[in-house]
Protein backbone atom coordinates (compact mmCIF):
# COMPACT_ATOMS: atom_id res chain seq x y z
CA UNK A 1 -15.84 -18.27 -32.32
CA UNK A 2 -15.71 -15.48 -30.41
CA UNK A 3 -17.16 -16.12 -26.92
CA UNK A 4 -17.16 -12.51 -24.46
CA UNK A 5 -15.40 -14.61 -20.88
CA UNK A 6 -15.59 -10.58 -19.44
CA UNK A 7 -18.07 -10.91 -16.30
CA UNK A 8 -18.70 -8.03 -13.78
CA UNK A 9 -21.51 -6.34 -11.35
CA UNK A 10 -21.73 -3.22 -10.65
CA UNK A 11 -21.81 -1.94 -6.73
CA UNK A 12 -25.51 -1.88 -6.66
CA UNK A 13 -25.66 -5.38 -7.28
CA UNK A 14 -23.01 -6.17 -4.51
CA UNK A 15 -24.90 -3.91 -1.71
CA UNK A 16 -22.55 -1.29 -1.95
CA UNK A 17 -23.58 2.10 -1.24
CA UNK A 18 -21.17 4.92 -2.25
CA UNK A 19 -20.38 5.80 1.66
CA UNK A 20 -18.81 2.07 1.56
CA UNK A 21 -17.43 2.65 -1.40
CA UNK A 22 -15.78 6.05 -0.92
CA UNK A 23 -14.00 4.49 2.70
CA UNK A 24 -12.84 1.50 0.56
CA UNK A 25 -11.13 3.66 -1.71
CA UNK A 26 -10.02 6.66 0.75
CA UNK A 27 -8.73 3.90 3.47
CA UNK A 28 -7.11 1.83 0.14
CA UNK A 29 -5.48 5.76 -0.13
CA UNK A 30 -4.43 5.65 3.33
CA UNK A 31 -3.02 1.84 3.39
CA UNK A 32 -0.67 2.27 0.19
CA UNK A 33 0.45 5.80 1.15
CA UNK A 34 1.68 4.58 5.04
CA UNK A 35 3.45 1.57 3.99
CA UNK A 36 5.25 3.37 1.03
CA UNK A 37 6.13 5.91 4.20
CA UNK A 38 7.01 3.00 6.61
CA UNK A 39 8.76 1.56 4.24
CA UNK A 40 11.07 4.47 3.12
CA UNK A 41 12.20 5.07 7.20
CA UNK A 42 12.16 1.61 7.69
CA UNK A 43 15.49 1.65 4.65
CA UNK A 44 16.53 4.75 6.46
CA UNK A 45 16.98 3.38 10.12
CA UNK A 46 18.50 0.54 8.48
CA UNK A 47 21.43 2.73 6.33
CA UNK A 48 21.85 5.03 9.36
CA UNK A 49 22.35 1.65 11.85
CA UNK A 50 25.03 0.14 9.22
CA UNK A 51 26.54 3.64 9.18
CA UNK A 52 26.90 3.70 12.90
CA UNK A 53 28.61 0.26 12.64
CA UNK A 54 31.28 1.02 10.47
CA UNK A 55 32.33 3.73 12.38
CA UNK A 56 32.71 2.02 15.21
CA UNK A 57 34.75 -0.59 13.51
CA UNK A 58 37.27 1.68 12.12
CA UNK A 59 38.17 3.20 16.12
């Protein structure tokens, strides 16, 4: 008793044009790249802040 459980709609059935799909893909890529870049910079800032605090404590 094997049943086919997958269900999918095509982009045209959902009312998405190729322009909108391209916009969604581009914005997703920009978001992921921006998030990764800001996370890396934030981690670097925390590391430098902790290094400066340790240096001030040792003086």
